[in-house]
């Protein structure tokens, strides 16, 4: 990913930790930056597992978001 990817749309789906797989609704954001901010906020809930799919099809896991989500706030 590049810095320009932060300005492209992305989808966020928050899965509940430890629950059986049920259909979850994704939320589309105008920018990956907004998506990362929402996902990082969701990580404050220990029962939430946010996953992001970028416009290019990259899948960002909860661990990736936890390690890199701060980048959205610093650019």
C-alpha atoms as a PDB file:
ATOM      1  CA  UNK A   1       0.000   0.000   0.000  1.00  0.00           C
ATOM      2  CA  UNK A   2       1.015   3.582  -0.577  1.00  0.00           C
ATOM      3  CA  UNK A   3       0.078   6.864   1.059  1.00  0.00           C
ATOM      4  CA  UNK A   4      -2.281   7.581  -1.843  1.00  0.00           C
ATOM      5  CA  UNK A   5      -4.291   4.502  -0.819  1.00  0.00           C
ATOM      6  CA  UNK A   6      -5.306   6.375   2.347  1.00  0.00           C
ATOM      7  CA  UNK A   7      -7.508   8.614   0.196  1.00  0.00           C
ATOM      8  CA  UNK A   8      -9.324   5.764  -1.587  1.00  0.00           C
ATOM      9  CA  UNK A   9     -12.576   4.111  -0.433  1.00  0.00           C
ATOM     10  CA  UNK A  10     -12.543   1.051   1.826  1.00  0.00           C
ATOM     11  CA  UNK A  11     -15.038  -1.203   3.588  1.00  0.00           C
ATOM     12  CA  UNK A  12     -15.065  -2.064   7.291  1.00  0.00           C
ATOM     13  CA  UNK A  13     -16.743  -5.124   8.788  1.00  0.00           C
ATOM     14  CA  UNK A  14     -16.669  -5.698  12.532  1.00  0.00           C
ATOM     15  CA  UNK A  15     -17.057  -9.332  13.517  1.00  0.00           C
ATOM     16  CA  UNK A  16     -17.930 -10.324  17.093  1.00  0.00           C
ATOM     17  CA  UNK A  17     -15.122 -12.264  18.787  1.00  0.00           C
ATOM     18  CA  UNK A  18     -16.006 -15.764  19.957  1.00  0.00           C
ATOM     19  CA  UNK A  19     -19.451 -15.911  18.383  1.00  0.00           C
ATOM     20  CA  UNK A  20     -20.593 -18.212  15.633  1.00  0.00           C
ATOM     21  CA  UNK A  21     -20.196 -16.795  12.168  1.00  0.00           C
ATOM     22  CA  UNK A  22     -23.257 -14.783  11.244  1.00  0.00           C
ATOM     23  CA  UNK A  23     -23.681 -12.444   8.351  1.00  0.00           C
ATOM     24  CA  UNK A  24     -22.225  -9.076   9.273  1.00  0.00           C
ATOM     25  CA  UNK A  25     -22.905  -5.855   7.430  1.00  0.00           C
ATOM     26  CA  UNK A  26     -19.934  -3.966   6.067  1.00  0.00           C
ATOM     27  CA  UNK A  27     -19.732  -0.186   6.144  1.00  0.00           C
ATOM     28  CA  UNK A  28     -18.241   1.742   3.251  1.00  0.00           C
ATOM     29  CA  UNK A  29     -16.098   4.773   4.033  1.00  0.00           C
ATOM     30  CA  UNK A  30     -15.004   7.487   1.617  1.00  0.00           C
ATOM     31  CA  UNK A  31     -11.337   6.982   2.508  1.00  0.00           C
ATOM     32  CA  UNK A  32      -9.121   4.287   3.965  1.00  0.00           C
ATOM     33  CA  UNK A  33      -7.992   6.921   6.473  1.00  0.00           C
ATOM     34  CA  UNK A  34     -11.571   7.173   7.845  1.00  0.00           C
ATOM     35  CA  UNK A  35     -11.891   3.388   7.798  1.00  0.00           C
ATOM     36  CA  UNK A  36      -8.668   2.914   9.782  1.00  0.00           C
ATOM     37  CA  UNK A  37      -9.791   5.456  12.371  1.00  0.00           C
ATOM     38  CA  UNK A  38     -13.142   3.686  12.843  1.00  0.00           C
ATOM     39  CA  UNK A  39     -11.437   0.277  12.983  1.00  0.00           C
ATOM     40  CA  UNK A  40      -8.870   1.457  15.545  1.00  0.00           C
ATOM     41  CA  UNK A  41     -11.717   2.838  17.668  1.00  0.00           C
ATOM     42  CA  UNK A  42     -13.548  -0.512  17.376  1.00  0.00           C
ATOM     43  CA  UNK A  43     -10.477  -2.321  18.725  1.00  0.00           C
ATOM     44  CA  UNK A  44     -11.107  -0.674  22.101  1.00  0.00           C
ATOM     45  CA  UNK A  45     -13.936  -3.206  22.496  1.00  0.00           C
ATOM     46  CA  UNK A  46     -12.335  -6.572  23.338  1.00  0.00           C
ATOM     47  CA  UNK A  47     -15.264  -8.368  21.662  1.00  0.00           C
ATOM     48  CA  UNK A  48     -14.804  -6.611  18.306  1.00  0.00           C
ATOM     49  CA  UNK A  49     -12.728  -7.874  15.378  1.00  0.00           C
ATOM     50  CA  UNK A  50     -12.565  -5.210  12.657  1.00  0.00           C
ATOM     51  CA  UNK A  51     -11.538  -6.259   9.140  1.00  0.00           C
ATOM     52  CA  UNK A  52     -10.929  -3.843   6.270  1.00  0.00           C
ATOM     53  CA  UNK A  53     -11.075  -4.490   2.536  1.00  0.00           C
ATOM     54  CA  UNK A  54      -9.413  -1.777   0.455  1.00  0.00           C
ATOM     55  CA  UNK A  55     -10.441  -0.614  -2.990  1.00  0.00           C
ATOM     56  CA  UNK A  56      -7.574  -2.698  -4.436  1.00  0.00           C
ATOM     57  CA  UNK A  57      -8.816  -5.806  -2.607  1.00  0.00           C
ATOM     58  CA  UNK A  58      -6.229  -5.892   0.181  1.00  0.00           C
ATOM     59  CA  UNK A  59      -7.602  -7.413   3.382  1.00  0.00           C
ATOM     60  CA  UNK A  60      -6.367  -5.797   6.598  1.00  0.00           C
ATOM     61  CA  UNK A  61      -6.697  -7.989   9.688  1.00  0.00           C
ATOM     62  CA  UNK A  62      -7.354  -6.841  13.256  1.00  0.00           C
ATOM     63  CA  UNK A  63      -3.662  -7.441  14.062  1.00  0.00           C
ATOM     64  CA  UNK A  64      -2.563  -5.305  11.104  1.00  0.00           C
ATOM     65  CA  UNK A  65      -5.000  -2.563  12.135  1.00  0.00           C
ATOM     66  CA  UNK A  66      -3.717  -2.646  15.735  1.00  0.00           C
ATOM     67  CA  UNK A  67      -0.117  -2.342  14.539  1.00  0.00           C
ATOM     68  CA  UNK A  68      -0.675   0.268  11.812  1.00  0.00           C
ATOM     69  CA  UNK A  69      -3.962   2.056  12.495  1.00  0.00           C
ATOM     70  CA  UNK A  70      -2.141   4.991  14.083  1.00  0.00           C
ATOM     71  CA  UNK A  71      -0.852   5.913  10.612  1.00  0.00           C
ATOM     72  CA  UNK A  72      -4.308   7.181   9.669  1.00  0.00           C
ATOM     73  CA  UNK A  73      -4.137   9.792  12.404  1.00  0.00           C
ATOM     74  CA  UNK A  74      -0.600  10.931  11.657  1.00  0.00           C
ATOM     75  CA  UNK A  75      -0.987  11.739   7.921  1.00  0.00           C
END
